[in-house]
Amino acid sequence: DFVAYDKNDGGVIVIADSVRGRFSISRDNAKNTVYLQMSN
């Protein structure tokens, strides 16, 4: 199942309904890494 999507510039971020409000996606380009922050 899909959870989250980030286009690369923050312009388009899509979060699945099942996790919206609890999960977020972000990235650190200096580390060439994308994160999924999950809470609750």
All heavy atoms as atom14 arrays in JSON, in Angstrom:
{
  "sequence": "DFVAYDKNDGGVIVIADSVRGRFSISRDNAKNTVYLQMSN",
  "atom14_mask": [
    [1, 1, 1, 1, 1, 1, 1, 1, 0, 0, 0, 0, 0, 0],
    [1, 1, 1, 1, 1, 1, 1, 1, 1, 1, 1, 0, 0, 0],
    [1, 1, 1, 1, 1, 1, 1, 0, 0, 0, 0, 0, 0, 0],
    [1, 1, 1, 1, 1, 0, 0, 0, 0, 0, 0, 0, 0, 0],
    [1, 1, 1, 1, 1, 1, 1, 1, 1, 1, 1, 1, 0, 0],
    [1, 1, 1, 1, 1, 1, 1, 1, 0, 0, 0, 0, 0, 0],
    [1, 1, 1, 1, 1, 1, 1, 1, 1, 0, 0, 0, 0, 0],
    [1, 1, 1, 1, 1, 1, 1, 1, 0, 0, 0, 0, 0, 0],
    [1, 1, 1, 1, 1, 1, 1, 1, 0, 0, 0, 0, 0, 0],
    [1, 1, 1, 1, 0, 0, 0, 0, 0, 0, 0, 0, 0, 0],
    [1, 1, 1, 1, 0, 0, 0, 0, 0, 0, 0, 0, 0, 0],
    [1, 1, 1, 1, 1, 1, 1, 0, 0, 0, 0, 0, 0, 0],
    [1, 1, 1, 1, 1, 1, 1, 1, 0, 0, 0, 0, 0, 0],
    [1, 1, 1, 1, 1, 1, 1, 0, 0, 0, 0, 0, 0, 0],
    [1, 1, 1, 1, 1, 1, 1, 1, 0, 0, 0, 0, 0, 0],
    [1, 1, 1, 1, 1, 0, 0, 0, 0, 0, 0, 0, 0, 0],
    [1, 1, 1, 1, 1, 1, 1, 1, 0, 0, 0, 0, 0, 0],
    [1, 1, 1, 1, 1, 1, 0, 0, 0, 0, 0, 0, 0, 0],
    [1, 1, 1, 1, 1, 1, 1, 0, 0, 0, 0, 0, 0, 0],
    [1, 1, 1, 1, 1, 1, 1, 1, 1, 1, 1, 0, 0, 0],
    [1, 1, 1, 1, 0, 0, 0, 0, 0, 0, 0, 0, 0, 0],
    [1, 1, 1, 1, 1, 1, 1, 1, 1, 1, 1, 0, 0, 0],
    [1, 1, 1, 1, 1, 1, 1, 1, 1, 1, 1, 0, 0, 0],
    [1, 1, 1, 1, 1, 1, 0, 0, 0, 0, 0, 0, 0, 0],
    [1, 1, 1, 1, 1, 1, 1, 1, 0, 0, 0, 0, 0, 0],
    [1, 1, 1, 1, 1, 1, 0, 0, 0, 0, 0, 0, 0, 0],
    [1, 1, 1, 1, 1, 1, 1, 1, 1, 1, 1, 0, 0, 0],
    [1, 1, 1, 1, 1, 1, 1, 1, 0, 0, 0, 0, 0, 0],
    [1, 1, 1, 1, 1, 1, 1, 1, 0, 0, 0, 0, 0, 0],
    [1, 1, 1, 1, 1, 0, 0, 0, 0, 0, 0, 0, 0, 0],
    [1, 1, 1, 1, 1, 1, 1, 1, 1, 0, 0, 0, 0, 0],
    [1, 1, 1, 1, 1, 1, 1, 1, 0, 0, 0, 0, 0, 0],
    [1, 1, 1, 1, 1, 1, 1, 0, 0, 0, 0, 0, 0, 0],
    [1, 1, 1, 1, 1, 1, 1, 0, 0, 0, 0, 0, 0, 0],
    [1, 1, 1, 1, 1, 1, 1, 1, 1, 1, 1, 1, 0, 0],
    [1, 1, 1, 1, 1, 1, 1, 1, 0, 0, 0, 0, 0, 0],
    [1, 1, 1, 1, 1, 1, 1, 1, 1, 0, 0, 0, 0, 0],
    [1, 1, 1, 1, 1, 1, 1, 1, 0, 0, 0, 0, 0, 0],
    [1, 1, 1, 1, 1, 1, 0, 0, 0, 0, 0, 0, 0, 0],
    [1, 1, 1, 1, 1, 1, 1, 1, 0, 0, 0, 0, 0, 0]
  ],
  "atom14_positions": [
    [[0.82, -1.21, 0.0], [0.0, 0.0, 0.0], [0.85, 1.26, 0.0], [1.91, 1.32, 0.64], [-0.9, 0.04, 1.25], [-2.0, -0.99, 1.19], [-2.42, -1.37, 0.09], [-2.46, -1.41, 2.28], [0.0, 0.0, 0.0], [0.0, 0.0, 0.0], [0.0, 0.0, 0.0], [0.0, 0.0, 0.0], [0.0, 0.0, 0.0], [0.0, 0.0, 0.0]],
    [[0.36, 2.27, -0.66], [1.01, 3.57, -0.71], [0.9, 4.26, 0.66], [-0.14, 4.18, 1.31], [0.37, 4.42, -1.79], [0.76, 5.88, -1.75], [2.03, 6.26, -2.14], [-0.13, 6.84, -1.31], [2.4, 7.6, -2.1], [0.22, 8.17, -1.28], [1.5, 8.56, -1.67], [0.0, 0.0, 0.0], [0.0, 0.0, 0.0], [0.0, 0.0, 0.0]],
    [[1.98, 4.96, 1.03], [1.98, 5.69, 2.31], [2.2, 7.19, 2.07], [1.43, 8.02, 2.55], [3.06, 5.15, 3.25], [3.11, 5.99, 4.54], [2.8, 3.69, 3.59], [0.0, 0.0, 0.0], [0.0, 0.0, 0.0], [0.0, 0.0, 0.0], [0.0, 0.0, 0.0], [0.0, 0.0, 0.0], [0.0, 0.0, 0.0], [0.0, 0.0, 0.0]],
    [[3.27, 7.53, 1.35], [3.6, 8.95, 1.19], [4.46, 9.17, -0.04], [5.17, 8.26, -0.48], [4.33, 9.47, 2.43], [0.0, 0.0, 0.0], [0.0, 0.0, 0.0], [0.0, 0.0, 0.0], [0.0, 0.0, 0.0], [0.0, 0.0, 0.0], [0.0, 0.0, 0.0], [0.0, 0.0, 0.0], [0.0, 0.0, 0.0], [0.0, 0.0, 0.0]],
    [[4.39, 10.38, -0.56], [5.14, 10.75, -1.78], [5.66, 12.18, -1.64], [4.94, 13.06, -1.15], [4.21, 10.65, -2.98], [4.71, 11.31, -4.25], [5.43, 10.59, -5.19], [4.43, 12.65, -4.51], [5.86, 11.18, -6.37], [4.87, 13.25, -5.68], [5.57, 12.51, -6.61], [6.01, 13.11, -7.77], [0.0, 0.0, 0.0], [0.0, 0.0, 0.0]],
    [[6.88, 12.38, -2.09], [7.47, 13.71, -2.12], [8.12, 13.92, -3.48], [9.01, 13.17, -3.86], [8.5, 13.86, -1.01], [9.26, 15.19, -1.12], [8.62, 16.22, -1.39], [10.48, 15.19, -0.93], [0.0, 0.0, 0.0], [0.0, 0.0, 0.0], [0.0, 0.0, 0.0], [0.0, 0.0, 0.0], [0.0, 0.0, 0.0], [0.0, 0.0, 0.0]],
    [[7.69, 14.94, -4.2], [8.2, 15.17, -5.55], [9.68, 15.47, -5.56], [10.43, 14.97, -6.36], [7.43, 16.32, -6.19], [7.87, 16.64, -7.61], [7.03, 17.76, -8.18], [7.47, 18.09, -9.59], [6.65, 19.17, -10.17], [0.0, 0.0, 0.0], [0.0, 0.0, 0.0], [0.0, 0.0, 0.0], [0.0, 0.0, 0.0], [0.0, 0.0, 0.0]],
    [[10.16, 16.3, -4.7], [11.58, 16.58, -4.44], [11.8, 18.02, -4.02], [12.86, 18.37, -3.57], [12.49, 16.26, -5.62], [12.48, 17.31, -6.72], [11.67, 18.23, -6.67], [13.33, 17.19, -7.69], [0.0, 0.0, 0.0], [0.0, 0.0, 0.0], [0.0, 0.0, 0.0], [0.0, 0.0, 0.0], [0.0, 0.0, 0.0], [0.0, 0.0, 0.0]],
    [[10.8, 18.84, -4.21], [10.99, 20.23, -3.84], [9.94, 20.71, -2.84], [9.81, 21.9, -2.61], [10.95, 21.12, -5.08], [9.66, 20.97, -5.87], [8.77, 20.24, -5.39], [9.56, 21.57, -6.95], [0.0, 0.0, 0.0], [0.0, 0.0, 0.0], [0.0, 0.0, 0.0], [0.0, 0.0, 0.0], [0.0, 0.0, 0.0], [0.0, 0.0, 0.0]],
    [[9.2, 19.74, -2.31], [8.15, 20.09, -1.37], [6.9, 20.62, -2.03], [5.91, 20.88, -1.35], [0.0, 0.0, 0.0], [0.0, 0.0, 0.0], [0.0, 0.0, 0.0], [0.0, 0.0, 0.0], [0.0, 0.0, 0.0], [0.0, 0.0, 0.0], [0.0, 0.0, 0.0], [0.0, 0.0, 0.0], [0.0, 0.0, 0.0], [0.0, 0.0, 0.0]],
    [[6.94, 20.77, -3.35], [5.8, 21.32, -4.06], [4.64, 20.35, -4.14], [3.48, 20.77, -4.15], [0.0, 0.0, 0.0], [0.0, 0.0, 0.0], [0.0, 0.0, 0.0], [0.0, 0.0, 0.0], [0.0, 0.0, 0.0], [0.0, 0.0, 0.0], [0.0, 0.0, 0.0], [0.0, 0.0, 0.0], [0.0, 0.0, 0.0], [0.0, 0.0, 0.0]],
    [[4.94, 19.08, -4.21], [3.89, 18.07, -4.26], [4.2, 17.02, -3.2], [5.2, 16.3, -3.31], [3.79, 17.4, -5.64], [2.7, 16.34, -5.63], [3.51, 18.45, -6.72], [0.0, 0.0, 0.0], [0.0, 0.0, 0.0], [0.0, 0.0, 0.0], [0.0, 0.0, 0.0], [0.0, 0.0, 0.0], [0.0, 0.0, 0.0], [0.0, 0.0, 0.0]],
    [[3.39, 16.97, -2.19], [3.49, 15.94, -1.15], [2.12, 15.29, -1.03], [1.12, 16.0, -0.91], [3.93, 16.52, 0.2], [5.39, 16.99, 0.11], [3.79, 15.47, 1.3], [5.9, 17.63, 1.39], [0.0, 0.0, 0.0], [0.0, 0.0, 0.0], [0.0, 0.0, 0.0], [0.0, 0.0, 0.0], [0.0, 0.0, 0.0], [0.0, 0.0, 0.0]],
    [[2.1, 13.98, -1.09], [0.85, 13.23, -1.0], [0.97, 12.24, 0.15], [1.96, 11.51, 0.24], [0.55, 12.48, -2.32], [-0.79, 11.74, -2.2], [0.51, 13.45, -3.49], [0.0, 0.0, 0.0], [0.0, 0.0, 0.0], [0.0, 0.0, 0.0], [0.0, 0.0, 0.0], [0.0, 0.0, 0.0], [0.0, 0.0, 0.0], [0.0, 0.0, 0.0]],
    [[0.0, 12.26, 1.02], [-0.03, 11.35, 2.16], [-1.3, 10.53, 2.09], [-2.39, 11.06, 1.85], [0.0, 12.12, 3.5], [1.19, 13.07, 3.56], [0.02, 11.15, 4.68], [2.53, 12.4, 3.59], [0.0, 0.0, 0.0], [0.0, 0.0, 0.0], [0.0, 0.0, 0.0], [0.0, 0.0, 0.0], [0.0, 0.0, 0.0], [0.0, 0.0, 0.0]],
    [[-1.18, 9.22, 2.28], [-2.34, 8.34, 2.24], [-3.34, 8.71, 3.33], [-2.96, 9.12, 4.43], [-1.91, 6.89, 2.4], [0.0, 0.0, 0.0], [0.0, 0.0, 0.0], [0.0, 0.0, 0.0], [0.0, 0.0, 0.0], [0.0, 0.0, 0.0], [0.0, 0.0, 0.0], [0.0, 0.0, 0.0], [0.0, 0.0, 0.0], [0.0, 0.0, 0.0]],
    [[-4.61, 8.54, 3.03], [-5.66, 8.89, 4.0], [-5.49, 8.15, 5.31], [-5.75, 8.7, 6.39], [-7.04, 8.55, 3.42], [-7.44, 9.46, 2.29], [-6.83, 10.54, 2.13], [-8.38, 9.1, 1.54], [0.0, 0.0, 0.0], [0.0, 0.0, 0.0], [0.0, 0.0, 0.0], [0.0, 0.0, 0.0], [0.0, 0.0, 0.0], [0.0, 0.0, 0.0]],
    [[-5.02, 6.9, 5.23], [-4.92, 6.06, 6.42], [-3.89, 6.57, 7.43], [-3.95, 6.2, 8.61], [-4.56, 4.63, 6.02], [-3.34, 4.61, 5.3], [0.0, 0.0, 0.0], [0.0, 0.0, 0.0], [0.0, 0.0, 0.0], [0.0, 0.0, 0.0], [0.0, 0.0, 0.0], [0.0, 0.0, 0.0], [0.0, 0.0, 0.0], [0.0, 0.0, 0.0]],
    [[-2.96, 7.41, 6.99], [-1.9, 7.87, 7.9], [-1.82, 9.39, 7.97], [-0.97, 9.94, 8.68], [-0.53, 7.3, 7.49], [-0.55, 5.78, 7.51], [-0.1, 7.83, 6.13], [0.0, 0.0, 0.0], [0.0, 0.0, 0.0], [0.0, 0.0, 0.0], [0.0, 0.0, 0.0], [0.0, 0.0, 0.0], [0.0, 0.0, 0.0], [0.0, 0.0, 0.0]],
    [[-2.69, 10.07, 7.24], [-2.63, 11.54, 7.23], [-2.85, 12.08, 8.63], [-3.73, 11.64, 9.37], [-3.66, 12.11, 6.27], [-3.53, 13.63, 6.07], [-4.45, 14.12, 4.98], [-4.09, 13.53, 3.69], [-4.96, 12.87, 2.93], [-6.21, 12.73, 3.32], [-4.57, 12.37, 1.77], [0.0, 0.0, 0.0], [0.0, 0.0, 0.0], [0.0, 0.0, 0.0]],
    [[-2.03, 13.05, 8.98], [-2.11, 13.62, 10.33], [-1.19, 12.93, 11.32], [-0.93, 13.47, 12.4], [0.0, 0.0, 0.0], [0.0, 0.0, 0.0], [0.0, 0.0, 0.0], [0.0, 0.0, 0.0], [0.0, 0.0, 0.0], [0.0, 0.0, 0.0], [0.0, 0.0, 0.0], [0.0, 0.0, 0.0], [0.0, 0.0, 0.0], [0.0, 0.0, 0.0]],
    [[-0.68, 11.75, 10.96], [0.24, 11.02, 11.83], [1.61, 10.83, 11.19], [2.63, 10.77, 11.89], [-0.34, 9.65, 12.18], [-1.68, 9.69, 12.9], [-2.1, 8.31, 13.39], [-2.31, 7.38, 12.28], [-1.65, 6.25, 12.13], [-0.72, 5.9, 13.01], [-1.91, 5.44, 11.1], [0.0, 0.0, 0.0], [0.0, 0.0, 0.0], [0.0, 0.0, 0.0]],
    [[1.65, 10.71, 9.88], [2.9, 10.48, 9.17], [3.25, 11.71, 8.33], [2.37, 12.41, 7.83], [2.79, 9.29, 8.22], [2.69, 7.94, 8.87], [2.4, 7.79, 10.22], [2.88, 6.79, 8.12], [2.3, 6.54, 10.81], [2.77, 5.53, 8.68], [2.48, 5.41, 10.03], [0.0, 0.0, 0.0], [0.0, 0.0, 0.0], [0.0, 0.0, 0.0]],
    [[4.53, 11.94, 8.15], [4.99, 13.0, 7.27], [6.25, 12.54, 6.55], [6.99, 11.67, 7.04], [5.25, 14.29, 8.04], [6.28, 14.1, 8.99], [0.0, 0.0, 0.0], [0.0, 0.0, 0.0], [0.0, 0.0, 0.0], [0.0, 0.0, 0.0], [0.0, 0.0, 0.0], [0.0, 0.0, 0.0], [0.0, 0.0, 0.0], [0.0, 0.0, 0.0]],
    [[6.5, 13.14, 5.4], [7.67, 12.79, 4.59], [8.54, 14.02, 4.44], [8.04, 15.13, 4.29], [7.24, 12.23, 3.21], [8.45, 11.72, 2.42], [6.43, 13.24, 2.43], [8.05, 10.96, 1.15], [0.0, 0.0, 0.0], [0.0, 0.0, 0.0], [0.0, 0.0, 0.0], [0.0, 0.0, 0.0], [0.0, 0.0, 0.0], [0.0, 0.0, 0.0]],
    [[9.84, 13.81, 4.51], [10.77, 14.92, 4.35], [12.07, 14.37, 3.78], [12.23, 13.16, 3.62], [11.03, 15.62, 5.69], [11.64, 14.72, 6.6], [0.0, 0.0, 0.0], [0.0, 0.0, 0.0], [0.0, 0.0, 0.0], [0.0, 0.0, 0.0], [0.0, 0.0, 0.0], [0.0, 0.0, 0.0], [0.0, 0.0, 0.0], [0.0, 0.0, 0.0]],
    [[13.01, 15.27, 3.49], [14.27, 14.79, 2.93], [15.41, 15.71, 3.35], [15.19, 16.88, 3.69], [14.22, 14.68, 1.42], [14.01, 15.97, 0.67], [14.17, 15.73, -0.82], [13.07, 14.98, -1.4], [13.16, 14.2, -2.48], [14.33, 14.08, -3.09], [12.11, 13.56, -2.97], [0.0, 0.0, 0.0], [0.0, 0.0, 0.0], [0.0, 0.0, 0.0]],
    [[16.6, 15.16, 3.35], [17.83, 15.9, 3.59], [18.71, 15.64, 2.37], [19.35, 14.59, 2.28], [18.51, 15.43, 4.87], [19.75, 16.24, 5.22], [20.35, 16.85, 4.3], [20.13, 16.26, 6.39], [0.0, 0.0, 0.0], [0.0, 0.0, 0.0], [0.0, 0.0, 0.0], [0.0, 0.0, 0.0], [0.0, 0.0, 0.0], [0.0, 0.0, 0.0]],
    [[18.73, 16.57, 1.45], [19.48, 16.36, 0.21], [20.99, 16.26, 0.46], [21.7, 15.59, -0.28], [19.18, 17.48, -0.78], [17.79, 17.36, -1.37], [17.25, 16.25, -1.47], [17.19, 18.47, -1.74], [0.0, 0.0, 0.0], [0.0, 0.0, 0.0], [0.0, 0.0, 0.0], [0.0, 0.0, 0.0], [0.0, 0.0, 0.0], [0.0, 0.0, 0.0]],
    [[21.47, 16.93, 1.49], [22.89, 16.84, 1.8], [23.28, 15.41, 2.18], [24.42, 14.99, 1.96], [23.23, 17.8, 2.93], [0.0, 0.0, 0.0], [0.0, 0.0, 0.0], [0.0, 0.0, 0.0], [0.0, 0.0, 0.0], [0.0, 0.0, 0.0], [0.0, 0.0, 0.0], [0.0, 0.0, 0.0], [0.0, 0.0, 0.0], [0.0, 0.0, 0.0]],
    [[22.34, 14.68, 2.75], [22.6, 13.29, 3.14], [22.03, 12.31, 2.13], [22.11, 11.1, 2.33], [21.99, 13.01, 4.52], [22.64, 13.82, 5.63], [22.04, 13.45, 6.98], [22.74, 14.22, 8.11], [22.16, 13.89, 9.44], [0.0, 0.0, 0.0], [0.0, 0.0, 0.0], [0.0, 0.0, 0.0], [0.0, 0.0, 0.0], [0.0, 0.0, 0.0]],
    [[21.43, 12.83, 1.06], [20.83, 11.98, 0.02], [19.85, 10.99, 0.64], [19.84, 9.79, 0.31], [21.93, 11.23, -0.74], [21.57, 11.03, -2.2], [20.76, 11.75, -2.77], [22.18, 10.03, -2.82], [0.0, 0.0, 0.0], [0.0, 0.0, 0.0], [0.0, 0.0, 0.0], [0.0, 0.0, 0.0], [0.0, 0.0, 0.0], [0.0, 0.0, 0.0]],
    [[19.02, 11.49, 1.55], [18.15, 10.64, 2.35], [16.75, 11.24, 2.43], [16.59, 12.46, 2.53], [18.71, 10.47, 3.78], [20.0, 9.84, 3.69], [17.8, 9.62, 4.64], [0.0, 0.0, 0.0], [0.0, 0.0, 0.0], [0.0, 0.0, 0.0], [0.0, 0.0, 0.0], [0.0, 0.0, 0.0], [0.0, 0.0, 0.0], [0.0, 0.0, 0.0]],
    [[15.77, 10.35, 2.36], [14.37, 10.73, 2.54], [13.87, 10.05, 3.81], [14.22, 8.9, 4.08], [13.52, 10.3, 1.33], [12.05, 10.63, 1.57], [14.02, 11.0, 0.08], [0.0, 0.0, 0.0], [0.0, 0.0, 0.0], [0.0, 0.0, 0.0], [0.0, 0.0, 0.0], [0.0, 0.0, 0.0], [0.0, 0.0, 0.0], [0.0, 0.0, 0.0]],
    [[13.05, 10.76, 4.56], [12.56, 10.26, 5.85], [11.05, 10.07, 5.84], [10.33, 10.76, 5.11], [12.93, 11.23, 6.97], [14.4, 11.51, 7.09], [14.96, 12.68, 6.57], [15.25, 10.6, 7.71], [16.32, 12.93, 6.68], [16.61, 10.85, 7.83], [17.13, 12.01, 7.31], [18.48, 12.26, 7.41], [0.0, 0.0, 0.0], [0.0, 0.0, 0.0]],
    [[10.6, 9.16, 6.67], [9.19, 9.01, 6.96], [9.04, 9.1, 8.47], [9.47, 8.22, 9.2], [8.65, 7.67, 6.46], [7.15, 7.45, 6.68], [6.35, 8.39, 5.78], [6.76, 6.0, 6.4], [0.0, 0.0, 0.0], [0.0, 0.0, 0.0], [0.0, 0.0, 0.0], [0.0, 0.0, 0.0], [0.0, 0.0, 0.0], [0.0, 0.0, 0.0]],
    [[8.48, 10.22, 8.93], [8.25, 10.42, 10.35], [6.88, 9.87, 10.69], [5.88, 10.3, 10.11], [8.33, 11.9, 10.7], [8.08, 12.19, 12.17], [9.17, 11.66, 13.08], [10.35, 11.85, 12.82], [8.77, 10.97, 14.15], [0.0, 0.0, 0.0], [0.0, 0.0, 0.0], [0.0, 0.0, 0.0], [0.0, 0.0, 0.0], [0.0, 0.0, 0.0]],
    [[6.84, 8.94, 11.63], [5.59, 8.3, 12.01], [5.31, 8.56, 13.48], [6.2, 8.34, 14.33], [5.67, 6.79, 11.76], [6.12, 6.43, 10.35], [6.1, 4.66, 10.02], [7.35, 4.1, 11.16], [0.0, 0.0, 0.0], [0.0, 0.0, 0.0], [0.0, 0.0, 0.0], [0.0, 0.0, 0.0], [0.0, 0.0, 0.0], [0.0, 0.0, 0.0]],
    [[4.13, 9.03, 13.78], [3.77, 9.29, 15.17], [2.43, 8.66, 15.48], [1.69, 8.27, 14.58], [3.72, 10.8, 15.43], [2.74, 11.41, 14.62], [0.0, 0.0, 0.0], [0.0, 0.0, 0.0], [0.0, 0.0, 0.0], [0.0, 0.0, 0.0], [0.0, 0.0, 0.0], [0.0, 0.0, 0.0], [0.0, 0.0, 0.0], [0.0, 0.0, 0.0]],
    [[2.15, 8.55, 16.78], [0.9, 7.92, 17.23], [0.65, 6.6, 16.5], [-0.42, 6.36, 15.95], [-0.28, 8.88, 17.03], [-1.55, 8.4, 17.7], [-1.51, 7.61, 18.64], [-2.68, 8.87, 17.21], [0.0, 0.0, 0.0], [0.0, 0.0, 0.0], [0.0, 0.0, 0.0], [0.0, 0.0, 0.0], [0.0, 0.0, 0.0], [0.0, 0.0, 0.0]]
  ]
}
